[in-house]
Amino acid sequence: MNEQIKNWLKTNWFKAGLLIILIICIGCAFYWYGLRPSNIKKSCAIWAIDKAINQYGNYGDSKNYQPDLYDHYFKRCLREKGL
């Protein structure tokens, strides 16, 4: 079986190379447009909640926050991270 694969690669090296490049490009696109934005949004949401709670905690109950503050910090974080 290994001999068959070696023979196929010798005759079809260009197709195999294109297939590998295509797989790498699809993987990179999936990371850039799928995984990266979702990870950034998760980290920004955590950061924004923490900042909004700390900001609101200075004025009253430390377990609550104003949604406007959260939105401000969340959008700021997204802009800083490039989304």
Protein backbone atom coordinates (compact mmCIF):
# COMPACT_ATOMS: atom_id res chain seq x y z
CA MET A 1 0.00 0.00 0.00
CA ASN A 2 2.81 2.43 0.78
CA GLU A 3 4.23 1.77 -2.69
CA GLN A 4 0.91 2.72 -4.27
CA ILE A 5 0.80 5.99 -2.33
CA LYS A 6 4.39 6.80 -3.29
CA ASN A 7 3.66 6.13 -6.95
CA TRP A 8 0.51 8.23 -6.85
CA LEU A 9 2.39 11.12 -5.21
CA LYS A 10 5.17 10.90 -7.80
CA THR A 11 2.70 11.19 -10.65
CA ASN A 12 0.25 13.63 -8.98
CA TRP A 13 2.53 15.81 -6.83
CA PHE A 14 0.98 19.00 -8.19
CA LYS A 15 -2.56 17.92 -7.27
CA ALA A 16 -1.43 16.82 -3.81
CA GLY A 17 0.32 20.16 -3.25
CA LEU A 18 -2.75 22.11 -4.31
CA LEU A 19 -4.92 20.00 -2.03
CA ILE A 20 -2.63 20.68 0.93
CA ILE A 21 -2.59 24.43 0.19
CA LEU A 22 -6.39 24.43 -0.13
CA ILE A 23 -6.80 22.66 3.22
CA ILE A 24 -4.43 25.14 4.89
CA CYS A 25 -6.31 28.11 3.39
CA ILE A 26 -9.68 26.76 4.54
CA GLY A 27 -8.29 26.17 8.03
CA CYS A 28 -6.87 29.69 8.22
CA ALA A 29 -10.14 31.21 6.99
CA PHE A 30 -12.11 29.21 9.56
CA TYR A 31 -9.83 30.46 12.31
CA TRP A 32 -9.86 34.10 11.14
CA TYR A 33 -13.60 34.39 10.49
CA GLY A 34 -14.95 31.85 13.00
CA LEU A 35 -12.83 31.11 16.03
CA ARG A 36 -10.95 34.38 16.42
CA PRO A 37 -14.04 36.65 16.54
CA SER A 38 -15.88 34.38 18.98
CA ASN A 39 -12.87 34.25 21.32
CA ILE A 40 -12.50 38.02 21.16
CA LYS A 41 -16.21 38.52 21.90
CA LYS A 42 -16.03 36.18 24.91
CA SER A 43 -13.02 37.93 26.39
CA CYS A 44 -14.52 41.37 25.71
CA ALA A 45 -17.80 40.40 27.38
CA ILE A 46 -15.98 39.27 30.51
CA TRP A 47 -13.82 42.39 30.55
CA ALA A 48 -16.81 44.71 29.94
CA ILE A 49 -18.86 43.16 32.75
CA ASP A 50 -15.93 43.47 35.13
CA LYS A 51 -15.32 47.11 34.20
CA ALA A 52 -19.04 47.98 34.39
CA ILE A 53 -19.41 46.33 37.80
CA ASN A 54 -16.33 48.12 39.12
CA GLN A 55 -17.56 51.45 37.76
CA TYR A 56 -21.08 50.98 39.17
CA GLY A 57 -19.69 49.56 42.42
CA ASN A 58 -18.18 52.93 43.20
CA TYR A 59 -21.69 54.39 43.26
CA GLY A 60 -23.71 51.69 44.97
CA ASP A 61 -24.34 47.97 44.79
CA SER A 62 -21.24 46.15 43.52
CA LYS A 63 -23.18 43.18 42.12
CA ASN A 64 -25.11 45.20 39.54
CA TYR A 65 -24.09 47.31 36.59
CA GLN A 66 -25.67 49.68 34.14
CA PRO A 67 -26.24 48.21 30.66
CA ASP A 68 -25.04 51.43 29.06
CA LEU A 69 -21.68 51.07 30.77
CA TYR A 70 -21.43 47.45 29.67
CA ASP A 71 -22.22 48.40 26.05
CA HIS A 72 -19.66 51.18 26.11
CA TYR A 73 -16.88 48.94 27.44
CA PHE A 74 -17.83 46.02 25.17
CA LYS A 75 -17.73 48.17 22.03
CA ARG A 76 -14.49 49.78 23.15
CA CYS A 77 -12.88 46.37 23.62
CA LEU A 78 -14.09 45.15 20.23
CA ARG A 79 -12.63 48.23 18.56
CA GLU A 80 -9.31 47.75 20.35
CA LYS A 81 -9.13 44.11 19.26
CA GLY A 82 -10.00 44.90 15.66
CA LEU A 83 -13.59 43.74 15.27
